[in-house]
Amino acid sequence: QVQLVESGGGLVQAGDSLRLSCAVSGLTFSRYAMGWFRQAPGKEREFVSGITASGGSTGYKDSVKGRFTISRDNAKNTLYLQMNCLKPEDTAVYYCAADRSATWVHRGITEYDYWGQGTQVTVSS
């Protein structure tokens, strides 16, 4: 059974930092590209960042470039998202997702095969 479990969300002030984690089990983590998505109330789920299976290539939504950093530890089957200089507009539920297309960072929701349940990030002004 494949499981993706996000953690690390919370309530912070603008300018603060958070690090999200996604623990993965039930699949060969090192063979999957991974992504972070987010969904704010009343809005569609959107791509935030992605990383290839090897970690050699990453991609970011323009509004988070320079503030967020995605990384992975294939030995620990864990994906991370370091979020710095958080803004109120970053408030959303953040989801991690796994994509069996190991060598490409996809930005579309339908490209991902497995999803976590999400973790809430709230940034107050």
PDB file of N, CA and C in Angstrom:
ATOM      1  N   GLN A   1       0.841  -1.188   0.000  1.00  0.00           N
ATOM      2  CA  GLN A   1       0.000   0.000   0.000  1.00  0.00           C
ATOM      3  C   GLN A   1       0.884   1.248   0.000  1.00  0.00           C
ATOM      4  N   VAL A   2       0.645   2.105  -0.974  1.00  0.00           N
ATOM      5  CA  VAL A   2       1.431   3.323  -1.088  1.00  0.00           C
ATOM      6  C   VAL A   2       0.895   4.367  -0.105  1.00  0.00           C
ATOM      7  N   GLN A   3       1.820   4.977   0.623  1.00  0.00           N
ATOM      8  CA  GLN A   3       1.436   6.049   1.545  1.00  0.00           C
ATOM      9  C   GLN A   3       2.384   7.221   1.401  1.00  0.00           C
ATOM     10  N   LEU A   4       1.817   8.414   1.337  1.00  0.00           N
ATOM     11  CA  LEU A   4       2.572   9.654   1.366  1.00  0.00           C
ATOM     12  C   LEU A   4       2.000  10.466   2.527  1.00  0.00           C
ATOM     13  N   VAL A   5       2.856  10.801   3.474  1.00  0.00           N
ATOM     14  CA  VAL A   5       2.393  11.486   4.673  1.00  0.00           C
ATOM     15  C   VAL A   5       3.164  12.781   4.850  1.00  0.00           C
ATOM     16  N   GLU A   6       2.445  13.890   4.714  1.00  0.00           N
ATOM     17  CA  GLU A   6       3.057  15.207   4.876  1.00  0.00           C
ATOM     18  C   GLU A   6       3.070  15.618   6.341  1.00  0.00           C
ATOM     19  N   SER A   7       4.052  16.421   6.688  1.00  0.00           N
ATOM     20  CA  SER A   7       4.124  16.996   8.034  1.00  0.00           C
ATOM     21  C   SER A   7       4.876  18.302   7.966  1.00  0.00           C
ATOM     22  N   GLY A   8       4.804  19.077   9.045  1.00  0.00           N
ATOM     23  CA  GLY A   8       5.581  20.305   9.128  1.00  0.00           C
ATOM     24  C   GLY A   8       4.803  21.585   8.905  1.00  0.00           C
ATOM     25  N   GLY A   9       3.529  21.456   8.571  1.00  0.00           N
ATOM     26  CA  GLY A   9       2.729  22.660   8.389  1.00  0.00           C
ATOM     27  C   GLY A   9       2.439  23.345   9.707  1.00  0.00           C
ATOM     28  N   GLY A  10       1.852  24.539   9.631  1.00  0.00           N
ATOM     29  CA  GLY A  10       1.509  25.252  10.845  1.00  0.00           C
ATOM     30  C   GLY A  10       1.118  26.677  10.566  1.00  0.00           C
ATOM     31  N   LEU A  11       0.961  27.432  11.648  1.00  0.00           N
ATOM     32  CA  LEU A  11       0.619  28.852  11.577  1.00  0.00           C
ATOM     33  C   LEU A  11       1.864  29.672  11.873  1.00  0.00           C
ATOM     34  N   VAL A  12       2.233  30.518  10.933  1.00  0.00           N
ATOM     35  CA  VAL A  12       3.420  31.358  11.085  1.00  0.00           C
ATOM     36  C   VAL A  12       3.090  32.775  10.659  1.00  0.00           C
ATOM     37  N   GLN A  13       4.011  33.679  10.935  1.00  0.00           N
ATOM     38  CA  GLN A  13       3.861  35.064  10.507  1.00  0.00           C
ATOM     39  C   GLN A  13       4.593  35.288   9.196  1.00  0.00           C
ATOM     40  N   ALA A  14       4.177  36.323   8.497  1.00  0.00           N
ATOM     41  CA  ALA A  14       4.853  36.685   7.251  1.00  0.00           C
ATOM     42  C   ALA A  14       6.342  36.891   7.519  1.00  0.00           C
ATOM     43  N   GLY A  15       7.162  36.338   6.628  1.00  0.00           N
ATOM     44  CA  GLY A  15       8.603  36.428   6.781  1.00  0.00           C
ATOM     45  C   GLY A  15       9.238  35.229   7.459  1.00  0.00           C
ATOM     46  N   ASP A  16       8.431  34.416   8.095  1.00  0.00           N
ATOM     47  CA  ASP A  16       8.936  33.230   8.781  1.00  0.00           C
ATOM     48  C   ASP A  16       9.242  32.105   7.795  1.00  0.00           C
ATOM     49  N   SER A  17       9.768  31.020   8.342  1.00  0.00           N
ATOM     50  CA  SER A  17      10.119  29.844   7.541  1.00  0.00           C
ATOM     51  C   SER A  17       9.441  28.601   8.083  1.00  0.00           C
ATOM     52  N   LEU A  18       9.229  27.647   7.199  1.00  0.00           N
ATOM     53  CA  LEU A  18       8.741  26.320   7.566  1.00  0.00           C
ATOM     54  C   LEU A  18       9.437  25.303   6.668  1.00  0.00           C
ATOM     55  N   ARG A  19       9.580  24.089   7.184  1.00  0.00           N
ATOM     56  CA  ARG A  19      10.056  23.001   6.338  1.00  0.00           C
ATOM     57  C   ARG A  19       9.028  21.881   6.361  1.00  0.00           C
ATOM     58  N   LEU A  20       8.506  21.594   5.201  1.00  0.00           N
ATOM     59  CA  LEU A  20       7.569  20.489   5.060  1.00  0.00           C
ATOM     60  C   LEU A  20       8.332  19.208   4.745  1.00  0.00           C
ATOM     61  N   SER A  21       7.803  18.104   5.238  1.00  0.00           N
ATOM     62  CA  SER A  21       8.355  16.790   4.928  1.00  0.00           C
ATOM     63  C   SER A  21       7.252  15.902   4.381  1.00  0.00           C
ATOM     64  N   CYS A  22       7.661  14.950   3.564  1.00  0.00           N
ATOM     65  CA  CYS A  22       6.720  13.968   3.027  1.00  0.00           C
ATOM     66  C   CYS A  22       7.388  12.605   3.117  1.00  0.00           C
ATOM     67  N   ALA A  23       6.899  11.782   4.020  1.00  0.00           N
ATOM     68  CA  ALA A  23       7.430  10.435   4.186  1.00  0.00           C
ATOM     69  C   ALA A  23       6.675   9.484   3.271  1.00  0.00           C
ATOM     70  N   VAL A  24       7.427   8.716   2.485  1.00  0.00           N
ATOM     71  CA  VAL A  24       6.833   7.861   1.460  1.00  0.00           C
ATOM     72  C   VAL A  24       7.116   6.396   1.753  1.00  0.00           C
ATOM     73  N   SER A  25       6.116   5.566   1.584  1.00  0.00           N
ATOM     74  CA  SER A  25       6.289   4.124   1.738  1.00  0.00           C
ATOM     75  C   SER A  25       5.434   3.402   0.716  1.00  0.00           C
ATOM     76  N   GLY A  26       5.778   2.137   0.463  1.00  0.00           N
ATOM     77  CA  GLY A  26       4.982   1.320  -0.443  1.00  0.00           C
ATOM     78  C   GLY A  26       5.364   1.427  -1.904  1.00  0.00           C
ATOM     79  N   LEU A  27       6.376   2.204  -2.233  1.00  0.00           N
ATOM     80  CA  LEU A  27       6.883   2.276  -3.604  1.00  0.00           C
ATOM     81  C   LEU A  27       8.397   2.495  -3.540  1.00  0.00           C
ATOM     82  N   THR A  28       9.046   2.293  -4.680  1.00  0.00           N
ATOM     83  CA  THR A  28      10.497   2.503  -4.737  1.00  0.00           C
ATOM     84  C   THR A  28      10.745   3.990  -4.934  1.00  0.00           C
ATOM     85  N   PHE A  29      10.928   4.672  -3.835  1.00  0.00           N
ATOM     86  CA  PHE A  29      10.989   6.137  -3.825  1.00  0.00           C
ATOM     87  C   PHE A  29      12.001   6.676  -4.818  1.00  0.00           C
ATOM     88  N   SER A  30      13.148   6.043  -4.916  1.00  0.00           N
ATOM     89  CA  SER A  30      14.233   6.544  -5.761  1.00  0.00           C
ATOM     90  C   SER A  30      13.926   6.437  -7.254  1.00  0.00           C
ATOM     91  N   ARG A  31      12.812   5.822  -7.614  1.00  0.00           N
ATOM     92  CA  ARG A  31      12.426   5.696  -9.019  1.00  0.00           C
ATOM     93  C   ARG A  31      11.313   6.657  -9.417  1.00  0.00           C
ATOM     94  N   TYR A  32      10.893   7.491  -8.486  1.00  0.00           N
ATOM     95  CA  TYR A  32       9.785   8.402  -8.739  1.00  0.00           C
ATOM     96  C   TYR A  32      10.234   9.856  -8.664  1.00  0.00           C
ATOM     97  N   ALA A  33       9.815  10.641  -9.638  1.00  0.00           N
ATOM     98  CA  ALA A  33       9.881  12.085  -9.466  1.00  0.00           C
ATOM     99  C   ALA A  33       8.822  12.460  -8.434  1.00  0.00           C
ATOM    100  N   MET A  34       9.052  13.582  -7.763  1.00  0.00           N
ATOM    101  CA  MET A  34       8.147  14.002  -6.703  1.00  0.00           C
ATOM    102  C   MET A  34       7.766  15.467  -6.897  1.00  0.00           C
ATOM    103  N   GLY A  35       6.621  15.823  -6.376  1.00  0.00           N
ATOM    104  CA  GLY A  35       6.187  17.199  -6.488  1.00  0.00           C
ATOM    105  C   GLY A  35       5.465  17.681  -5.243  1.00  0.00           C
ATOM    106  N   TRP A  36       5.466  18.982  -5.088  1.00  0.00           N
ATOM    107  CA  TRP A  36       4.653  19.662  -4.080  1.00  0.00           C
ATOM    108  C   TRP A  36       3.608  20.512  -4.802  1.00  0.00           C
ATOM    109  N   PHE A  37       2.389  20.401  -4.343  1.00  0.00           N
ATOM    110  CA  PHE A  37       1.285  21.199  -4.836  1.00  0.00           C
ATOM    111  C   PHE A  37       0.625  21.886  -3.650  1.00  0.00           C
ATOM    112  N   ARG A  38      -0.192  22.875  -3.954  1.00  0.00           N
ATOM    113  CA  ARG A  38      -0.947  23.522  -2.884  1.00  0.00           C
ATOM    114  C   ARG A  38      -2.327  23.927  -3.387  1.00  0.00           C
ATOM    115  N   GLN A  39      -3.235  24.040  -2.438  1.00  0.00           N
ATOM    116  CA  GLN A  39      -4.595  24.442  -2.768  1.00  0.00           C
ATOM    117  C   GLN A  39      -5.118  25.381  -1.699  1.00  0.00           C
ATOM    118  N   ALA A  40      -5.413  26.600  -2.125  1.00  0.00           N
ATOM    119  CA  ALA A  40      -5.989  27.595  -1.235  1.00  0.00           C
ATOM    120  C   ALA A  40      -7.515  27.510  -1.319  1.00  0.00           C
ATOM    121  N   PRO A  41      -8.209  27.996  -0.302  1.00  0.00           N
ATOM    122  CA  PRO A  41      -9.676  27.941  -0.307  1.00  0.00           C
ATOM    123  C   PRO A  41     -10.259  28.607  -1.547  1.00  0.00           C
ATOM    124  N   GLY A  42     -11.135  27.901  -2.219  1.00  0.00           N
ATOM    125  CA  GLY A  42     -11.796  28.451  -3.394  1.00  0.00           C
ATOM    126  C   GLY A  42     -10.950  28.467  -4.649  1.00  0.00           C
ATOM    127  N   LYS A  43      -9.762  27.893  -4.586  1.00  0.00           N
ATOM    128  CA  LYS A  43      -8.877  27.903  -5.753  1.00  0.00           C
ATOM    129  C   LYS A  43      -8.527  26.478  -6.156  1.00  0.00           C
ATOM    130  N   GLU A  44      -8.030  26.348  -7.376  1.00  0.00           N
ATOM    131  CA  GLU A  44      -7.629  25.049  -7.855  1.00  0.00           C
ATOM    132  C   GLU A  44      -6.264  24.665  -7.271  1.00  0.00           C
ATOM    133  N   ARG A  45      -6.027  23.374  -7.225  1.00  0.00           N
ATOM    134  CA  ARG A  45      -4.720  22.901  -6.783  1.00  0.00           C
ATOM    135  C   ARG A  45      -3.676  23.304  -7.824  1.00  0.00           C
ATOM    136  N   GLU A  46      -2.520  23.779  -7.351  1.00  0.00           N
ATOM    137  CA  GLU A  46      -1.498  24.264  -8.262  1.00  0.00           C
ATOM    138  C   GLU A  46      -0.129  23.697  -7.931  1.00  0.00           C
ATOM    139  N   PHE A  47       0.670  23.580  -8.970  1.00  0.00           N
ATOM    140  CA  PHE A  47       2.051  23.118  -8.826  1.00  0.00           C
ATOM    141  C   PHE A  47       2.873  24.153  -8.068  1.00  0.00           C
ATOM    142  N   VAL A  48       3.691  23.681  -7.154  1.00  0.00           N
ATOM    143  CA  VAL A  48       4.611  24.549  -6.414  1.00  0.00           C
ATOM    144  C   VAL A  48       6.052  24.243  -6.792  1.00  0.00           C
ATOM    145  N   SER A  49       6.407  22.960  -6.730  1.00  0.00           N
ATOM    146  CA  SER A  49       7.780  22.576  -7.008  1.00  0.00           C
ATOM    147  C   SER A  49       7.842  21.094  -7.309  1.00  0.00           C
ATOM    148  N   GLY A  50       8.874  20.691  -8.065  1.00  0.00           N
ATOM    149  CA  GLY A  50       9.056  19.291  -8.377  1.00  0.00           C
ATOM    150  C   GLY A  50      10.528  18.943  -8.460  1.00  0.00           C
ATOM    151  N   ILE A  51      10.817  17.648  -8.361  1.00  0.00           N
ATOM    152  CA  ILE A  51      12.203  17.187  -8.380  1.00  0.00           C
ATOM    153  C   ILE A  51      12.233  15.812  -9.035  1.00  0.00           C
ATOM    154  N   THR A  52      13.246  15.578  -9.841  1.00  0.00           N
ATOM    155  CA  THR A  52      13.367  14.280 -10.492  1.00  0.00           C
ATOM    156  C   THR A  52      13.788  13.211  -9.496  1.00  0.00           C
ATOM    157  N   ALA A  53      13.731  11.966  -9.947  1.00  0.00           N
ATOM    158  CA  ALA A  53      14.001  10.842  -9.049  1.00  0.00           C
ATOM    159  C   ALA A  53      15.405  10.907  -8.456  1.00  0.00           C
ATOM    160  N   SER A  54      16.355  11.325  -9.246  1.00  0.00           N
ATOM    161  CA  SER A  54      17.742  11.405  -8.776  1.00  0.00           C
ATOM    162  C   SER A  54      18.009  12.657  -7.967  1.00  0.00           C
ATOM    163  N   GLY A  55      17.107  13.614  -8.074  1.00  0.00           N
ATOM    164  CA  GLY A  55      17.331  14.907  -7.426  1.00  0.00           C
ATOM    165  C   GLY A  55      18.132  15.863  -8.278  1.00  0.00           C
ATOM    166  N   GLY A  56      18.469  15.447  -9.490  1.00  0.00           N
ATOM    167  CA  GLY A  56      19.343  16.250 -10.325  1.00  0.00           C
ATOM    168  C   GLY A  56      18.681  17.427 -11.001  1.00  0.00           C
ATOM    169  N   SER A  57      17.378  17.434 -11.061  1.00  0.00           N
ATOM    170  CA  SER A  57      16.664  18.532 -11.699  1.00  0.00           C
ATOM    171  C   SER A  57      15.453  18.927 -10.868  1.00  0.00           C
ATOM    172  N   THR A  58      15.211  20.232 -10.788  1.00  0.00           N
ATOM    173  CA  THR A  58      14.085  20.743 -10.018  1.00  0.00           C
ATOM    174  C   THR A  58      13.322  21.782 -10.833  1.00  0.00           C
ATOM    175  N   GLY A  59      12.103  22.049 -10.392  1.00  0.00           N
ATOM    176  CA  GLY A  59      11.304  23.084 -11.018  1.00  0.00           C
ATOM    177  C   GLY A  59      10.472  23.791  -9.970  1.00  0.00           C
ATOM    178  N   TYR A  60      10.136  25.066 -10.224  1.00  0.00           N
ATOM    179  CA  TYR A  60       9.408  25.870  -9.264  1.00  0.00           C
ATOM    180  C   TYR A  60       8.365  26.739  -9.950  1.00  0.00           C
ATOM    181  N   LYS A  61       7.301  26.969  -9.239  1.00  0.00           N
ATOM    182  CA  LYS A  61       6.345  28.003  -9.631  1.00  0.00           C
ATOM    183  C   LYS A  61       7.073  29.337  -9.507  1.00  0.00           C
ATOM    184  N   ASP A  62       6.797  30.249 -10.451  1.00  0.00           N
ATOM    185  CA  ASP A  62       7.543  31.503 -10.473  1.00  0.00           C
ATOM    186  C   ASP A  62       7.463  32.271  -9.153  1.00  0.00           C
ATOM    187  N   SER A  63       6.307  32.267  -8.521  1.00  0.00           N
ATOM    188  CA  SER A  63       6.129  33.097  -7.323  1.00  0.00           C
ATOM    189  C   SER A  63       6.880  32.560  -6.099  1.00  0.00           C
ATOM    190  N   VAL A  64       7.414  31.344  -6.175  1.00  0.00           N
ATOM    191  CA  VAL A  64       8.158  30.809  -5.026  1.00  0.00           C
ATOM    192  C   VAL A  64       9.647  30.683  -5.306  1.00  0.00           C
ATOM    193  N   LYS A  65      10.055  30.959  -6.526  1.00  0.00           N
ATOM    194  CA  LYS A  65      11.483  30.876  -6.857  1.00  0.00           C
ATOM    195  C   LYS A  65      12.290  31.812  -5.971  1.00  0.00           C
ATOM    196  N   GLY A  66      13.392  31.286  -5.455  1.00  0.00           N
ATOM    197  CA  GLY A  66      14.237  32.082  -4.578  1.00  0.00           C
ATOM    198  C   GLY A  66      13.808  32.058  -3.120  1.00  0.00           C
ATOM    199  N   ARG A  67      12.605  31.565  -2.851  1.00  0.00           N
ATOM    200  CA  ARG A  67      12.124  31.470  -1.467  1.00  0.00           C
ATOM    201  C   ARG A  67      11.967  30.013  -1.022  1.00  0.00           C
ATOM    202  N   PHE A  68      11.560  29.145  -1.916  1.00  0.00           N
ATOM    203  CA  PHE A  68      11.327  27.734  -1.587  1.00  0.00           C
ATOM    204  C   PHE A  68      12.437  26.882  -2.208  1.00  0.00           C
ATOM    205  N   THR A  69      12.787  25.816  -1.504  1.00  0.00           N
ATOM    206  CA  THR A  69      13.772  24.862  -2.017  1.00  0.00           C
ATOM    207  C   THR A  69      13.259  23.448  -1.798  1.00  0.00           C
ATOM    208  N   ILE A  70      13.187  22.694  -2.869  1.00  0.00           N
ATOM    209  CA  ILE A  70      12.780  21.303  -2.780  1.00  0.00           C
ATOM    210  C   ILE A  70      14.014  20.424  -2.711  1.00  0.00           C
ATOM    211  N   SER A  71      13.927  19.356  -1.946  1.00  0.00           N
ATOM    212  CA  SER A  71      15.030  18.400  -1.865  1.00  0.00           C
ATOM    213  C   SER A  71      14.463  17.040  -1.498  1.00  0.00           C
ATOM    214  N   ARG A  72      15.298  16.032  -1.602  1.00  0.00           N
ATOM    215  CA  ARG A  72      14.862  14.681  -1.257  1.00  0.00           C
ATOM    216  C   ARG A  72      16.025  13.898  -0.692  1.00  0.00           C
ATOM    217  N   ASP A  73      15.705  12.939   0.145  1.00  0.00           N
ATOM    218  CA  ASP A  73      16.686  12.020   0.697  1.00  0.00           C
ATOM    219  C   ASP A  73      16.212  10.622   0.320  1.00  0.00           C
ATOM    220  N   ASN A  74      16.806  10.057  -0.709  1.00  0.00           N
ATOM    221  CA  ASN A  74      16.359   8.748  -1.188  1.00  0.00           C
ATOM    222  C   ASN A  74      16.667   7.624  -0.197  1.00  0.00           C
ATOM    223  N   ALA A  75      17.637   7.829   0.662  1.00  0.00           N
ATOM    224  CA  ALA A  75      17.941   6.829   1.688  1.00  0.00           C
ATOM    225  C   ALA A  75      16.865   6.800   2.771  1.00  0.00           C
ATOM    226  N   LYS A  76      16.194   7.935   2.956  1.00  0.00           N
ATOM    227  CA  LYS A  76      15.156   8.028   3.991  1.00  0.00           C
ATOM    228  C   LYS A  76      13.749   8.028   3.407  1.00  0.00           C
ATOM    229  N   ASN A  77      13.650   7.900   2.089  1.00  0.00           N
ATOM    230  CA  ASN A  77      12.338   7.912   1.422  1.00  0.00           C
ATOM    231  C   ASN A  77      11.520   9.150   1.805  1.00  0.00           C
ATOM    232  N   THR A  78      12.181  10.284   1.815  1.00  0.00           N
ATOM    233  CA  THR A  78      11.540  11.503   2.285  1.00  0.00           C
ATOM    234  C   THR A  78      11.785  12.669   1.332  1.00  0.00           C
ATOM    235  N   LEU A  79      10.750  13.420   1.114  1.00  0.00           N
ATOM    236  CA  LEU A  79      10.778  14.632   0.305  1.00  0.00           C
ATOM    237  C   LEU A  79      10.640  15.836   1.227  1.00  0.00           C
ATOM    238  N   TYR A  80      11.295  16.924   0.879  1.00  0.00           N
ATOM    239  CA  TYR A  80      11.248  18.126   1.707  1.00  0.00           C
ATOM    240  C   TYR A  80      10.881  19.352   0.867  1.00  0.00           C
ATOM    241  N   LEU A  81      10.342  20.349   1.555  1.00  0.00           N
ATOM    242  CA  LEU A  81      10.160  21.661   0.951  1.00  0.00           C
ATOM    243  C   LEU A  81      10.505  22.705   2.010  1.00  0.00           C
ATOM    244  N   GLN A  82      11.634  23.352   1.819  1.00  0.00           N
ATOM    245  CA  GLN A  82      12.042  24.446   2.701  1.00  0.00           C
ATOM    246  C   GLN A  82      11.405  25.722   2.180  1.00  0.00           C
ATOM    247  N   MET A  83      10.621  26.368   3.025  1.00  0.00           N
ATOM    248  CA  MET A  83       9.900  27.571   2.625  1.00  0.00           C
ATOM    249  C   MET A  83      10.370  28.729   3.486  1.00  0.00           C
ATOM    250  N   ASN A  84      11.000  29.700   2.857  1.00  0.00           N
ATOM    251  CA  ASN A  84      11.500  30.890   3.541  1.00  0.00           C
ATOM    252  C   ASN A  84      10.722  32.117   3.088  1.00  0.00           C
ATOM    253  N   CYS A  85      10.816  33.180   3.882  1.00  0.00           N
ATOM    254  CA  CYS A  85      10.173  34.450   3.534  1.00  0.00           C
ATOM    255  C   CYS A  85       8.708  34.232   3.163  1.00  0.00           C
ATOM    256  N   LEU A  86       8.004  33.506   3.989  1.00  0.00           N
ATOM    257  CA  LEU A  86       6.620  33.168   3.685  1.00  0.00           C
ATOM    258  C   LEU A  86       5.739  34.406   3.629  1.00  0.00           C
ATOM    259  N   LYS A  87       4.763  34.354   2.744  1.00  0.00           N
ATOM    260  CA  LYS A  87       3.829  35.453   2.526  1.00  0.00           C
ATOM    261  C   LYS A  87       2.402  34.958   2.788  1.00  0.00           C
ATOM    262  N   PRO A  88       1.493  35.859   3.105  1.00  0.00           N
ATOM    263  CA  PRO A  88       0.102  35.434   3.315  1.00  0.00           C
ATOM    264  C   PRO A  88      -0.472  34.678   2.119  1.00  0.00           C
ATOM    265  N   GLU A  89      -0.049  35.019   0.923  1.00  0.00           N
ATOM    266  CA  GLU A  89      -0.557  34.343  -0.271  1.00  0.00           C
ATOM    267  C   GLU A  89      -0.031  32.919  -0.414  1.00  0.00           C
ATOM    268  N   ASP A  90       0.892  32.519   0.442  1.00  0.00           N
ATOM    269  CA  ASP A  90       1.348  31.123   0.464  1.00  0.00           C
ATOM    270  C   ASP A  90       0.412  30.236   1.290  1.00  0.00           C
ATOM    271  N   THR A  91      -0.550  30.836   1.943  1.00  0.00           N
ATOM    272  CA  THR A  91      -1.494  30.075   2.755  1.00  0.00           C
ATOM    273  C   THR A  91      -2.283  29.093   1.900  1.00  0.00           C
ATOM    274  N   ALA A  92      -2.232  27.827   2.280  1.00  0.00           N
ATOM    275  CA  ALA A  92      -2.889  26.771   1.509  1.00  0.00           C
ATOM    276  C   ALA A  92      -2.663  25.439   2.211  1.00  0.00           C
ATOM    277  N   VAL A  93      -3.361  24.433   1.719  1.00  0.00           N
ATOM    278  CA  VAL A  93      -3.021  23.061   2.078  1.00  0.00           C
ATOM    279  C   VAL A  93      -1.965  22.582   1.077  1.00  0.00           C
ATOM    280  N   TYR A  94      -0.876  22.048   1.594  1.00  0.00           N
ATOM    281  CA  TYR A  94       0.223  21.603   0.752  1.00  0.00           C
ATOM    282  C   TYR A  94       0.207  20.083   0.661  1.00  0.00           C
ATOM    283  N   TYR A  95       0.325  19.597  -0.566  1.00  0.00           N
ATOM    284  CA  TYR A  95       0.293  18.168  -0.845  1.00  0.00           C
ATOM    285  C   TYR A  95       1.584  17.722  -1.512  1.00  0.00           C
ATOM    286  N   CYS A  96       2.052  16.546  -1.161  1.00  0.00           N
ATOM    287  CA  CYS A  96       3.134  15.942  -1.932  1.00  0.00           C
ATOM    288  C   CYS A  96       2.541  14.867  -2.848  1.00  0.00           C
ATOM    289  N   ALA A  97       3.236  14.610  -3.940  1.00  0.00           N
ATOM    290  CA  ALA A  97       2.734  13.669  -4.931  1.00  0.00           C
ATOM    291  C   ALA A  97       3.896  12.952  -5.596  1.00  0.00           C
ATOM    292  N   ALA A  98       3.653  11.729  -6.037  1.00  0.00           N
ATOM    293  CA  ALA A  98       4.672  10.901  -6.672  1.00  0.00           C
ATOM    294  C   ALA A  98       4.315  10.630  -8.129  1.00  0.00           C
ATOM    295  N   ASP A  99       5.317  10.724  -8.987  1.00  0.00           N
ATOM    296  CA  ASP A  99       5.157  10.583 -10.441  1.00  0.00           C
ATOM    297  C   ASP A  99       6.134   9.513 -10.924  1.00  0.00           C
ATOM    298  N   ARG A 100       5.622   8.449 -11.539  1.00  0.00           N
ATOM    299  CA  ARG A 100       6.511   7.371 -11.967  1.00  0.00           C
ATOM    300  C   ARG A 100       7.393   7.775 -13.147  1.00  0.00           C
ATOM    301  N   SER A 101       7.175   8.926 -13.734  1.00  0.00           N
ATOM    302  CA  SER A 101       8.075   9.440 -14.775  1.00  0.00           C
ATOM    303  C   SER A 101       9.292  10.024 -14.089  1.00  0.00           C
ATOM    304  N   ALA A 102      10.266   9.194 -13.853  1.00  0.00           N
ATOM    305  CA  ALA A 102      11.347   9.532 -12.931  1.00  0.00           C
ATOM    306  C   ALA A 102      12.214  10.695 -13.381  1.00  0.00           C
ATOM    307  N   THR A 103      12.353  10.889 -14.684  1.00  0.00           N
ATOM    308  CA  THR A 103      13.366  11.811 -15.184  1.00  0.00           C
ATOM    309  C   THR A 103      12.802  13.147 -15.655  1.00  0.00           C
ATOM    310  N   TRP A 104      11.560  13.453 -15.295  1.00  0.00           N
ATOM    311  CA  TRP A 104      10.961  14.704 -15.751  1.00  0.00           C
ATOM    312  C   TRP A 104      10.208  15.345 -14.613  1.00  0.00           C
ATOM    313  N   VAL A 105      10.264  16.653 -14.518  1.00  0.00           N
ATOM    314  CA  VAL A 105       9.468  17.376 -13.532  1.00  0.00           C
ATOM    315  C   VAL A 105       8.184  17.834 -14.219  1.00  0.00           C
ATOM    316  N   HIS A 106       7.113  17.128 -13.939  1.00  0.00           N
ATOM    317  CA  HIS A 106       5.823  17.500 -14.497  1.00  0.00           C
ATOM    318  C   HIS A 106       5.138  18.531 -13.618  1.00  0.00           C
ATOM    319  N   ARG A 107       4.360  19.415 -14.219  1.00  0.00           N
ATOM    320  CA  ARG A 107       3.647  20.454 -13.469  1.00  0.00           C
ATOM    321  C   ARG A 107       2.139  20.219 -13.440  1.00  0.00           C
ATOM    322  N   GLY A 108       1.686  19.247 -14.192  1.00  0.00           N
ATOM    323  CA  GLY A 108       0.257  18.989 -14.241  1.00  0.00           C
ATOM    324  C   GLY A 108      -0.186  17.980 -13.198  1.00  0.00           C
ATOM    325  N   ILE A 109      -1.333  18.241 -12.607  1.00  0.00           N
ATOM    326  CA  ILE A 109      -1.853  17.365 -11.567  1.00  0.00           C
ATOM    327  C   ILE A 109      -2.056  15.945 -12.077  1.00  0.00           C
ATOM    328  N   THR A 110      -2.530  15.812 -13.287  1.00  0.00           N
ATOM    329  CA  THR A 110      -2.856  14.492 -13.819  1.00  0.00           C
ATOM    330  C   THR A 110      -1.633  13.634 -14.099  1.00  0.00           C
ATOM    331  N   GLU A 111      -0.456  14.222 -14.038  1.00  0.00           N
ATOM    332  CA  GLU A 111       0.772  13.467 -14.294  1.00  0.00           C
ATOM    333  C   GLU A 111       1.218  12.659 -13.078  1.00  0.00           C
ATOM    334  N   TYR A 112       0.644  12.967 -11.938  1.00  0.00           N
ATOM    335  CA  TYR A 112       1.077  12.339 -10.696  1.00  0.00           C
ATOM    336  C   TYR A 112       0.179  11.170 -10.318  1.00  0.00           C
ATOM    337  N   ASP A 113       0.821  10.128  -9.806  1.00  0.00           N
ATOM    338  CA  ASP A 113       0.123   8.867  -9.587  1.00  0.00           C
ATOM    339  C   ASP A 113      -0.372   8.680  -8.160  1.00  0.00           C
ATOM    340  N   TYR A 114       0.334   9.227  -7.208  1.00  0.00           N
ATOM    341  CA  TYR A 114      -0.024   9.053  -5.793  1.00  0.00           C
ATOM    342  C   TYR A 114       0.044  10.399  -5.087  1.00  0.00           C
ATOM    343  N   TRP A 115      -0.846  10.563  -4.100  1.00  0.00           N
ATOM    344  CA  TRP A 115      -0.965  11.826  -3.386  1.00  0.00           C
ATOM    345  C   TRP A 115      -1.053  11.594  -1.877  1.00  0.00           C
ATOM    346  N   GLY A 116      -0.521  12.569  -1.133  1.00  0.00           N
ATOM    347  CA  GLY A 116      -0.715  12.576   0.300  1.00  0.00           C
ATOM    348  C   GLY A 116      -2.016  13.268   0.671  1.00  0.00           C
ATOM    349  N   GLN A 117      -2.281  13.341   1.968  1.00  0.00           N
ATOM    350  CA  GLN A 117      -3.519  13.941   2.464  1.00  0.00           C
ATOM    351  C   GLN A 117      -3.399  15.436   2.681  1.00  0.00           C
ATOM    352  N   GLY A 118      -2.200  15.953   2.693  1.00  0.00           N
ATOM    353  CA  GLY A 118      -2.014  17.389   2.807  1.00  0.00           C
ATOM    354  C   GLY A 118      -1.696  17.858   4.215  1.00  0.00           C
ATOM    355  N   THR A 119      -1.028  19.007   4.288  1.00  0.00           N
ATOM    356  CA  THR A 119      -0.734  19.663   5.555  1.00  0.00           C
ATOM    357  C   THR A 119      -1.017  21.155   5.393  1.00  0.00           C
ATOM    358  N   GLN A 120      -1.654  21.735   6.394  1.00  0.00           N
ATOM    359  CA  GLN A 120      -2.084  23.136   6.308  1.00  0.00           C
ATOM    360  C   GLN A 120      -0.932  24.073   6.640  1.00  0.00           C
ATOM    361  N   VAL A 121      -0.754  25.061   5.792  1.00  0.00           N
ATOM    362  CA  VAL A 121       0.193  26.144   6.042  1.00  0.00           C
ATOM    363  C   VAL A 121      -0.605  27.444   6.055  1.00  0.00           C
ATOM    364  N   THR A 122      -0.517  28.172   7.149  1.00  0.00           N
ATOM    365  CA  THR A 122      -1.223  29.441   7.276  1.00  0.00           C
ATOM    366  C   THR A 122      -0.215  30.517   7.629  1.00  0.00           C
ATOM    367  N   VAL A 123      -0.185  31.559   6.814  1.00  0.00           N
ATOM    368  CA  VAL A 123       0.756  32.657   7.012  1.00  0.00           C
ATOM    369  C   VAL A 123      -0.044  33.918   7.324  1.00  0.00           C
ATOM    370  N   SER A 124       0.157  34.451   8.505  1.00  0.00           N
ATOM    371  CA  SER A 124      -0.564  35.658   8.901  1.00  0.00           C
ATOM    372  C   SER A 124       0.263  36.889   8.559  1.00  0.00           C
ATOM    373  N   SER A 125      -0.426  37.978   8.293  1.00  0.00           N
ATOM    374  CA  SER A 125       0.264  39.225   7.905  1.00  0.00           C
ATOM    375  C   SER A 125       0.581  40.080   9.116  1.00  0.00           C
TER     376      SER A 125
END
